Amino acid sequence: MLELTGLNNQKILIQSSVVNKLFTYIQRTSDKPESGGLFIGKSFTGDILQIEDITYPISGDRQSKFYFFRSSKHGELIEDIWEQSGHIKTLIGTWHTHPEDKPTPSCVDIKDWKKIISNNIKLNINFIFAIVGIKITVFWQNNNGNFIQIGEIDNECYN
C-alpha cells in the first residue's frame, strides 16, 4: 500500500495493485501511446481517500505518443461501479502517462483536471491527479485552482 499525505493532512491510500497496473502503461518505448483512465475508490469523511482500482484505456479513447483523450465511457463505468457498490465506490481522480522521465502537467491536463472538479462538485472530494512518467509518477491535488504536488514515487524502486 502506498500512503501519501494530501492537502490539509488528508491521508491517501493507494493499493499496491493499482500502482502496479499504472506501471504497465509506462511509455518506455517510442511506439507506446499515452494511456489513461480514472481512479476508483472510497472517500471516508474527507479525511481519507482510498484508491482501489482504475479504469483502463477503452474503445472510444484517443491515444497517440503525446496525447490521450478519455472517452465518456469511463464516466459510464464509474456510474455502474457506484450503483453496484451500493453508492460506496466512486471517482477519486484521474491518471495518465507522459513520455518524459518526470512528468509535468500540460495546459490540456490542467483544463481536464478543472473540468473533472467542476463536473463532480457534488461528490465533495479533493481529487487525486497522477501522471505516470518513464521514471517517476507524480501526484497532485487542487488547492483553490492551483494544483499542488503531494507526492511522487520512483517507478523503478517501488515495491
N, C-alpha and C. Protein backbone atom coordinates (compact mmCIF):
# COMPACT_ATOMS: atom_id res chain seq x y z
N MET A 1 0.85 -1.17 0.00
CA MET A 1 0.00 0.00 0.00
C MET A 1 0.90 1.24 0.00
N LEU A 2 0.58 2.15 -0.91
CA LEU A 2 1.27 3.43 -0.97
C LEU A 2 0.45 4.43 -0.16
N GLU A 3 1.10 5.16 0.73
CA GLU A 3 0.41 6.16 1.53
C GLU A 3 1.02 7.53 1.27
N LEU A 4 0.16 8.48 0.89
CA LEU A 4 0.58 9.86 0.66
C LEU A 4 -0.16 10.75 1.64
N THR A 5 0.42 11.90 1.92
CA THR A 5 -0.28 12.91 2.71
C THR A 5 -0.71 14.01 1.76
N GLY A 6 -2.01 14.17 1.64
CA GLY A 6 -2.55 15.18 0.74
C GLY A 6 -2.68 16.52 1.42
N LEU A 7 -3.37 17.43 0.75
CA LEU A 7 -3.61 18.75 1.32
C LEU A 7 -4.45 18.62 2.58
N ASN A 8 -4.23 19.52 3.52
CA ASN A 8 -4.93 19.50 4.82
C ASN A 8 -4.72 18.19 5.56
N ASN A 9 -3.55 17.59 5.36
CA ASN A 9 -3.17 16.33 6.03
C ASN A 9 -4.10 15.17 5.72
N GLN A 10 -4.77 15.24 4.58
CA GLN A 10 -5.63 14.13 4.17
C GLN A 10 -4.76 12.91 3.88
N LYS A 11 -5.19 11.77 4.38
CA LYS A 11 -4.46 10.52 4.13
C LYS A 11 -4.96 9.92 2.83
N ILE A 12 -4.03 9.59 1.94
CA ILE A 12 -4.37 9.00 0.65
C ILE A 12 -3.71 7.62 0.59
N LEU A 13 -4.54 6.60 0.48
CA LEU A 13 -4.07 5.22 0.43
C LEU A 13 -4.30 4.68 -0.97
N ILE A 14 -3.24 4.19 -1.58
CA ILE A 14 -3.32 3.64 -2.93
C ILE A 14 -2.86 2.19 -2.87
N GLN A 15 -3.76 1.30 -3.22
CA GLN A 15 -3.41 -0.12 -3.17
C GLN A 15 -2.24 -0.42 -4.11
N SER A 16 -1.36 -1.30 -3.68
CA SER A 16 -0.20 -1.68 -4.49
C SER A 16 -0.60 -2.21 -5.85
N SER A 17 -1.72 -2.90 -5.92
CA SER A 17 -2.18 -3.44 -7.21
C SER A 17 -2.49 -2.31 -8.19
N VAL A 18 -2.96 -1.17 -7.68
CA VAL A 18 -3.25 -0.01 -8.53
C VAL A 18 -1.95 0.54 -9.10
N VAL A 19 -0.95 0.72 -8.24
CA VAL A 19 0.34 1.24 -8.69
C VAL A 19 0.94 0.31 -9.75
N ASN A 20 0.87 -0.98 -9.51
CA ASN A 20 1.42 -1.95 -10.46
C ASN A 20 0.67 -1.91 -11.80
N LYS A 21 -0.63 -1.69 -11.76
CA LYS A 21 -1.41 -1.56 -13.01
C LYS A 21 -0.96 -0.31 -13.77
N LEU A 22 -0.75 0.81 -13.04
CA LEU A 22 -0.29 2.03 -13.69
C LEU A 22 1.04 1.80 -14.40
N PHE A 23 1.92 1.08 -13.74
CA PHE A 23 3.26 0.85 -14.30
C PHE A 23 3.22 0.07 -15.61
N THR A 24 2.17 -0.70 -15.86
CA THR A 24 2.10 -1.46 -17.13
C THR A 24 1.93 -0.53 -18.33
N TYR A 25 1.57 0.73 -18.06
CA TYR A 25 1.33 1.68 -19.15
C TYR A 25 2.49 2.67 -19.36
N ILE A 26 3.58 2.52 -18.62
CA ILE A 26 4.72 3.43 -18.77
C ILE A 26 5.18 3.42 -20.22
N GLN A 27 5.44 4.59 -20.76
CA GLN A 27 5.85 4.75 -22.16
C GLN A 27 7.37 4.57 -22.30
N ARG A 28 7.82 3.34 -22.11
CA ARG A 28 9.26 3.05 -22.17
C ARG A 28 9.80 2.98 -23.59
N THR A 29 8.91 2.76 -24.56
CA THR A 29 9.34 2.69 -25.95
C THR A 29 8.65 3.79 -26.74
N SER A 30 9.28 4.21 -27.83
CA SER A 30 8.77 5.35 -28.60
C SER A 30 7.45 5.05 -29.31
N ASP A 31 7.10 3.78 -29.44
CA ASP A 31 5.85 3.44 -30.13
C ASP A 31 4.66 3.28 -29.17
N LYS A 32 4.90 3.40 -27.87
CA LYS A 32 3.81 3.22 -26.91
C LYS A 32 3.07 4.55 -26.73
N PRO A 33 1.74 4.56 -26.92
CA PRO A 33 0.98 5.82 -26.82
C PRO A 33 0.70 6.21 -25.37
N GLU A 34 0.33 7.48 -25.18
CA GLU A 34 -0.17 7.89 -23.87
C GLU A 34 -1.42 7.07 -23.56
N SER A 35 -1.58 6.76 -22.29
CA SER A 35 -2.74 6.00 -21.82
C SER A 35 -3.29 6.71 -20.60
N GLY A 36 -4.51 6.36 -20.22
CA GLY A 36 -5.07 6.99 -19.04
C GLY A 36 -6.40 6.39 -18.64
N GLY A 37 -6.93 6.92 -17.57
CA GLY A 37 -8.21 6.46 -17.06
C GLY A 37 -8.55 7.20 -15.78
N LEU A 38 -9.41 6.60 -15.00
CA LEU A 38 -9.90 7.19 -13.76
C LEU A 38 -9.48 6.34 -12.56
N PHE A 39 -9.34 6.99 -11.42
CA PHE A 39 -9.13 6.28 -10.16
C PHE A 39 -10.50 5.98 -9.55
N ILE A 40 -10.64 4.76 -9.04
CA ILE A 40 -11.87 4.31 -8.40
C ILE A 40 -11.56 4.00 -6.94
N GLY A 41 -12.42 4.45 -6.04
CA GLY A 41 -12.17 4.15 -4.64
C GLY A 41 -13.24 4.68 -3.72
N LYS A 42 -12.81 4.99 -2.49
CA LYS A 42 -13.74 5.42 -1.45
C LYS A 42 -13.21 6.67 -0.77
N SER A 43 -14.14 7.51 -0.33
CA SER A 43 -13.80 8.69 0.45
C SER A 43 -14.41 8.51 1.83
N PHE A 44 -13.58 8.61 2.86
CA PHE A 44 -14.04 8.45 4.23
C PHE A 44 -14.06 9.80 4.93
N THR A 45 -15.23 10.42 5.03
CA THR A 45 -15.45 11.71 5.69
C THR A 45 -14.43 12.78 5.30
N GLY A 46 -13.86 12.68 4.13
CA GLY A 46 -12.93 13.68 3.65
C GLY A 46 -11.53 13.56 4.23
N ASP A 47 -11.35 12.77 5.29
CA ASP A 47 -10.04 12.63 5.92
C ASP A 47 -9.16 11.60 5.22
N ILE A 48 -9.80 10.62 4.60
CA ILE A 48 -9.06 9.53 3.95
C ILE A 48 -9.65 9.28 2.57
N LEU A 49 -8.78 9.20 1.58
CA LEU A 49 -9.15 8.73 0.25
C LEU A 49 -8.44 7.41 0.02
N GLN A 50 -9.18 6.43 -0.45
CA GLN A 50 -8.59 5.13 -0.73
C GLN A 50 -8.81 4.80 -2.20
N ILE A 51 -7.72 4.63 -2.94
CA ILE A 51 -7.80 4.27 -4.35
C ILE A 51 -7.63 2.77 -4.47
N GLU A 52 -8.67 2.13 -5.03
CA GLU A 52 -8.71 0.67 -5.07
C GLU A 52 -8.57 0.08 -6.46
N ASP A 53 -8.84 0.88 -7.49
CA ASP A 53 -8.78 0.35 -8.85
C ASP A 53 -8.69 1.51 -9.83
N ILE A 54 -8.55 1.18 -11.11
CA ILE A 54 -8.51 2.19 -12.17
C ILE A 54 -9.38 1.73 -13.34
N THR A 55 -9.77 2.70 -14.15
CA THR A 55 -10.29 2.33 -15.47
C THR A 55 -9.10 2.36 -16.41
N TYR A 56 -9.18 1.58 -17.46
CA TYR A 56 -8.10 1.41 -18.43
C TYR A 56 -8.48 2.10 -19.73
N PRO A 57 -7.50 2.28 -20.63
CA PRO A 57 -7.86 2.77 -21.96
C PRO A 57 -8.88 1.81 -22.59
N ILE A 58 -9.94 2.40 -23.15
CA ILE A 58 -11.02 1.59 -23.72
C ILE A 58 -11.42 2.14 -25.08
N SER A 59 -12.24 1.38 -25.77
CA SER A 59 -12.75 1.78 -27.07
C SER A 59 -13.42 3.15 -26.95
N GLY A 60 -13.07 4.05 -27.84
CA GLY A 60 -13.59 5.40 -27.79
C GLY A 60 -12.55 6.41 -27.32
N ASP A 61 -11.54 5.94 -26.58
CA ASP A 61 -10.43 6.81 -26.19
C ASP A 61 -9.60 7.11 -27.43
N ARG A 62 -8.89 8.23 -27.41
CA ARG A 62 -7.95 8.55 -28.49
C ARG A 62 -6.56 8.63 -27.89
N GLN A 63 -5.63 7.92 -28.51
CA GLN A 63 -4.28 7.85 -27.98
C GLN A 63 -3.25 8.09 -29.08
N SER A 64 -2.19 8.82 -28.72
CA SER A 64 -1.01 8.94 -29.57
C SER A 64 0.19 9.08 -28.63
N LYS A 65 1.36 9.24 -29.18
CA LYS A 65 2.56 9.35 -28.35
C LYS A 65 2.47 10.51 -27.36
N PHE A 66 1.87 11.62 -27.76
CA PHE A 66 1.82 12.81 -26.91
C PHE A 66 0.40 13.25 -26.56
N TYR A 67 -0.57 12.34 -26.64
CA TYR A 67 -1.96 12.76 -26.42
C TYR A 67 -2.79 11.58 -25.93
N PHE A 68 -3.66 11.88 -24.96
CA PHE A 68 -4.66 10.91 -24.53
C PHE A 68 -5.97 11.64 -24.30
N PHE A 69 -7.02 11.16 -24.93
CA PHE A 69 -8.37 11.68 -24.71
C PHE A 69 -9.21 10.57 -24.11
N ARG A 70 -9.73 10.82 -22.94
CA ARG A 70 -10.56 9.85 -22.22
C ARG A 70 -12.00 10.01 -22.67
N SER A 71 -12.59 8.94 -23.18
CA SER A 71 -13.97 9.00 -23.67
C SER A 71 -14.95 9.00 -22.49
N SER A 72 -16.19 9.32 -22.80
CA SER A 72 -17.24 9.36 -21.78
C SER A 72 -17.57 7.97 -21.23
N LYS A 73 -17.09 6.93 -21.89
CA LYS A 73 -17.35 5.56 -21.40
C LYS A 73 -16.74 5.34 -20.01
N HIS A 74 -15.67 6.07 -19.68
CA HIS A 74 -15.07 5.94 -18.34
C HIS A 74 -16.08 6.41 -17.28
N GLY A 75 -16.76 7.51 -17.56
CA GLY A 75 -17.78 8.01 -16.65
C GLY A 75 -18.93 7.04 -16.48
N GLU A 76 -19.30 6.38 -17.57
CA GLU A 76 -20.35 5.36 -17.51
C GLU A 76 -19.91 4.19 -16.63
N LEU A 77 -18.64 3.80 -16.74
CA LEU A 77 -18.11 2.73 -15.89
C LEU A 77 -18.17 3.13 -14.41
N ILE A 78 -17.81 4.37 -14.12
CA ILE A 78 -17.86 4.86 -12.73
C ILE A 78 -19.29 4.82 -12.21
N GLU A 79 -20.24 5.25 -13.04
CA GLU A 79 -21.66 5.20 -12.63
C GLU A 79 -22.08 3.78 -12.30
N ASP A 80 -21.69 2.81 -13.15
CA ASP A 80 -22.02 1.40 -12.90
C ASP A 80 -21.40 0.91 -11.59
N ILE A 81 -20.14 1.26 -11.38
CA ILE A 81 -19.44 0.84 -10.15
C ILE A 81 -20.11 1.46 -8.93
N TRP A 82 -20.51 2.72 -9.03
CA TRP A 82 -21.21 3.42 -7.95
C TRP A 82 -22.48 2.66 -7.57
N GLU A 83 -23.25 2.30 -8.59
CA GLU A 83 -24.51 1.56 -8.34
C GLU A 83 -24.24 0.18 -7.77
N GLN A 84 -23.31 -0.57 -8.40
CA GLN A 84 -23.02 -1.94 -7.96
C GLN A 84 -22.45 -2.01 -6.55
N SER A 85 -21.76 -0.95 -6.12
CA SER A 85 -21.14 -0.95 -4.79
C SER A 85 -22.08 -0.41 -3.70
N GLY A 86 -23.32 -0.15 -4.06
CA GLY A 86 -24.24 0.42 -3.09
C GLY A 86 -23.90 1.85 -2.73
N HIS A 87 -23.40 2.59 -3.71
CA HIS A 87 -23.03 4.01 -3.57
C HIS A 87 -21.86 4.22 -2.62
N ILE A 88 -20.90 3.30 -2.70
CA ILE A 88 -19.70 3.41 -1.86
C ILE A 88 -18.47 3.75 -2.71
N LYS A 89 -18.25 3.01 -3.78
CA LYS A 89 -17.09 3.26 -4.64
C LYS A 89 -17.42 4.33 -5.67
N THR A 90 -16.47 5.25 -5.87
CA THR A 90 -16.74 6.40 -6.73
C THR A 90 -15.47 6.89 -7.41
N LEU A 91 -15.62 7.95 -8.15
CA LEU A 91 -14.49 8.62 -8.80
C LEU A 91 -13.63 9.28 -7.73
N ILE A 92 -12.31 9.00 -7.78
CA ILE A 92 -11.36 9.58 -6.84
C ILE A 92 -10.37 10.49 -7.55
N GLY A 93 -10.25 10.34 -8.88
CA GLY A 93 -9.33 11.18 -9.63
C GLY A 93 -9.03 10.60 -11.00
N THR A 94 -7.97 11.11 -11.61
CA THR A 94 -7.58 10.64 -12.94
C THR A 94 -6.10 10.30 -12.98
N TRP A 95 -5.75 9.52 -13.97
CA TRP A 95 -4.34 9.20 -14.21
C TRP A 95 -4.11 9.15 -15.71
N HIS A 96 -2.90 9.44 -16.11
CA HIS A 96 -2.49 9.22 -17.49
C HIS A 96 -0.96 9.21 -17.54
N THR A 97 -0.43 8.83 -18.68
CA THR A 97 1.01 8.73 -18.84
C THR A 97 1.56 9.91 -19.64
N HIS A 98 2.84 10.15 -19.49
CA HIS A 98 3.59 11.11 -20.30
C HIS A 98 4.91 10.45 -20.72
N PRO A 99 5.38 10.74 -21.93
CA PRO A 99 6.64 10.16 -22.38
C PRO A 99 7.84 11.01 -21.93
N GLU A 100 7.91 11.29 -20.64
CA GLU A 100 9.04 12.03 -20.08
C GLU A 100 9.40 11.40 -18.74
N ASP A 101 10.66 11.57 -18.34
CA ASP A 101 11.13 10.90 -17.12
C ASP A 101 10.33 11.32 -15.89
N LYS A 102 10.29 12.63 -15.62
CA LYS A 102 9.50 13.15 -14.51
C LYS A 102 8.45 14.07 -15.11
N PRO A 103 7.20 13.64 -15.10
CA PRO A 103 6.16 14.38 -15.83
C PRO A 103 5.73 15.67 -15.14
N THR A 104 5.32 16.61 -15.98
CA THR A 104 4.70 17.85 -15.53
C THR A 104 3.39 18.01 -16.30
N PRO A 105 2.37 18.56 -15.66
CA PRO A 105 1.08 18.69 -16.36
C PRO A 105 1.13 19.76 -17.44
N SER A 106 0.51 19.45 -18.57
CA SER A 106 0.38 20.41 -19.67
C SER A 106 -0.85 21.28 -19.43
N CYS A 107 -1.03 22.28 -20.26
CA CYS A 107 -2.25 23.12 -20.18
C CYS A 107 -3.49 22.26 -20.41
N VAL A 108 -3.40 21.31 -21.32
CA VAL A 108 -4.53 20.40 -21.59
C VAL A 108 -4.85 19.58 -20.33
N ASP A 109 -3.81 19.11 -19.63
CA ASP A 109 -4.02 18.35 -18.40
C ASP A 109 -4.75 19.20 -17.36
N ILE A 110 -4.27 20.42 -17.16
CA ILE A 110 -4.87 21.31 -16.15
C ILE A 110 -6.34 21.59 -16.48
N LYS A 111 -6.63 21.84 -17.76
CA LYS A 111 -8.03 22.07 -18.17
C LYS A 111 -8.89 20.84 -17.88
N ASP A 112 -8.35 19.65 -18.17
CA ASP A 112 -9.08 18.41 -17.91
C ASP A 112 -9.32 18.25 -16.42
N TRP A 113 -8.32 18.51 -15.60
CA TRP A 113 -8.47 18.38 -14.15
C TRP A 113 -9.53 19.34 -13.63
N LYS A 114 -9.51 20.57 -14.11
CA LYS A 114 -10.51 21.55 -13.68
C LYS A 114 -11.91 21.13 -14.09
N LYS A 115 -12.03 20.52 -15.27
CA LYS A 115 -13.32 20.03 -15.75
C LYS A 115 -13.82 18.89 -14.87
N ILE A 116 -12.94 17.97 -14.50
CA ILE A 116 -13.30 16.87 -13.59
C ILE A 116 -13.85 17.44 -12.28
N ILE A 117 -13.17 18.43 -11.75
CA ILE A 117 -13.61 19.04 -10.48
C ILE A 117 -14.97 19.71 -10.64
N SER A 118 -15.13 20.54 -11.67
CA SER A 118 -16.40 21.27 -11.82
C SER A 118 -17.57 20.36 -12.16
N ASN A 119 -17.31 19.28 -12.89
CA ASN A 119 -18.40 18.35 -13.25
C ASN A 119 -18.79 17.42 -12.11
N ASN A 120 -17.97 17.37 -11.06
CA ASN A 120 -18.23 16.42 -9.97
C ASN A 120 -18.22 17.10 -8.60
N ILE A 121 -18.60 18.35 -8.57
CA ILE A 121 -18.55 19.14 -7.33
C ILE A 121 -19.41 18.52 -6.24
N LYS A 122 -20.49 17.87 -6.61
CA LYS A 122 -21.40 17.28 -5.62
C LYS A 122 -20.75 16.15 -4.82
N LEU A 123 -19.68 15.56 -5.36
CA LEU A 123 -19.00 14.48 -4.64
C LEU A 123 -18.21 14.98 -3.44
N ASN A 124 -17.87 16.28 -3.45
CA ASN A 124 -17.12 16.88 -2.34
C ASN A 124 -15.84 16.11 -2.02
N ILE A 125 -15.08 15.82 -3.07
CA ILE A 125 -13.82 15.08 -2.94
C ILE A 125 -12.69 15.96 -3.48
N ASN A 126 -11.58 16.00 -2.76
CA ASN A 126 -10.40 16.67 -3.29
C ASN A 126 -9.64 15.63 -4.11
N PHE A 127 -9.97 15.57 -5.39
CA PHE A 127 -9.50 14.52 -6.29
C PHE A 127 -7.97 14.43 -6.36
N ILE A 128 -7.52 13.25 -6.72
CA ILE A 128 -6.10 12.97 -6.93
C ILE A 128 -5.87 12.90 -8.43
N PHE A 129 -4.81 13.56 -8.88
CA PHE A 129 -4.43 13.54 -10.29
C PHE A 129 -3.01 13.02 -10.39
N ALA A 130 -2.81 12.02 -11.22
CA ALA A 130 -1.48 11.42 -11.35
C ALA A 130 -1.05 11.40 -12.80
N ILE A 131 0.24 11.63 -12.99
CA ILE A 131 0.85 11.43 -14.30
C ILE A 131 1.99 10.45 -14.10
N VAL A 132 1.94 9.38 -14.88
CA VAL A 132 2.94 8.32 -14.82
C VAL A 132 4.01 8.62 -15.86
N GLY A 133 5.18 8.99 -15.39
CA GLY A 133 6.30 9.24 -16.29
C GLY A 133 7.11 7.98 -16.50
N ILE A 134 8.19 8.09 -17.24
CA ILE A 134 9.04 6.94 -17.52
C ILE A 134 9.76 6.48 -16.25
N LYS A 135 10.25 7.44 -15.45
CA LYS A 135 10.99 7.10 -14.23
C LYS A 135 10.26 7.45 -12.93
N ILE A 136 9.40 8.47 -12.98
CA ILE A 136 8.73 8.97 -11.79
C ILE A 136 7.23 9.09 -12.06
N THR A 137 6.43 8.77 -11.05
CA THR A 137 4.99 9.03 -11.08
C THR A 137 4.72 10.14 -10.07
N VAL A 138 3.98 11.16 -10.51
CA VAL A 138 3.74 12.33 -9.67
C VAL A 138 2.23 12.47 -9.42
N PHE A 139 1.89 12.89 -8.19
CA PHE A 139 0.51 13.05 -7.75
C PHE A 139 0.25 14.50 -7.34
N TRP A 140 -0.93 15.02 -7.70
CA TRP A 140 -1.33 16.38 -7.39
C TRP A 140 -2.73 16.40 -6.80
N GLN A 141 -3.03 17.49 -6.08
CA GLN A 141 -4.38 17.82 -5.65
C GLN A 141 -4.62 19.30 -5.92
N ASN A 142 -5.90 19.65 -5.97
CA ASN A 142 -6.30 21.03 -6.23
C ASN A 142 -6.36 21.83 -4.94
N ASN A 143 -5.79 23.04 -4.99
CA ASN A 143 -5.87 23.96 -3.87
C ASN A 143 -6.34 25.31 -4.42
N ASN A 144 -7.65 25.52 -4.43
CA ASN A 144 -8.24 26.77 -4.92
C ASN A 144 -7.77 27.13 -6.33
N GLY A 145 -7.81 26.17 -7.22
CA GLY A 145 -7.46 26.41 -8.62
C GLY A 145 -6.00 26.21 -8.95
N ASN A 146 -5.17 25.97 -7.94
CA ASN A 146 -3.76 25.66 -8.17
C ASN A 146 -3.53 24.19 -7.85
N PHE A 147 -2.78 23.54 -8.69
CA PHE A 147 -2.52 22.12 -8.47
C PHE A 147 -1.18 21.96 -7.79
N ILE A 148 -1.24 21.36 -6.61
CA ILE A 148 -0.07 21.23 -5.73
C ILE A 148 0.39 19.78 -5.76
N GLN A 149 1.69 19.60 -5.99
CA GLN A 149 2.24 18.24 -5.95
C GLN A 149 2.21 17.75 -4.51
N ILE A 150 1.64 16.55 -4.32
CA ILE A 150 1.54 15.98 -2.97
C ILE A 150 2.41 14.75 -2.80
N GLY A 151 3.02 14.30 -3.88
CA GLY A 151 3.89 13.14 -3.75
C GLY A 151 4.40 12.65 -5.08
N GLU A 152 5.41 11.82 -5.00
CA GLU A 152 5.94 11.16 -6.19
C GLU A 152 6.56 9.85 -5.78
N ILE A 153 6.63 8.95 -6.72
CA ILE A 153 7.29 7.67 -6.46
C ILE A 153 8.26 7.38 -7.59
N ASP A 154 9.34 6.73 -7.22
CA ASP A 154 10.32 6.28 -8.20
C ASP A 154 9.82 4.96 -8.77
N ASN A 155 9.50 4.96 -10.05
CA ASN A 155 8.87 3.79 -10.66
C ASN A 155 9.75 2.55 -10.58
N GLU A 156 11.06 2.73 -10.60
CA GLU A 156 11.96 1.58 -10.62
C GLU A 156 12.24 1.04 -9.22
N CYS A 157 12.01 1.84 -8.18
CA CYS A 157 12.32 1.42 -6.82
C CYS A 157 11.08 1.04 -6.02
N TYR A 158 9.88 1.23 -6.61
CA TYR A 158 8.65 0.94 -5.88
C TYR A 158 8.53 -0.56 -5.66
N ASN A 159 8.05 -0.94 -4.51
CA ASN A 159 7.78 -2.32 -4.05
C ASN A 159 8.71 -2.74 -3.01
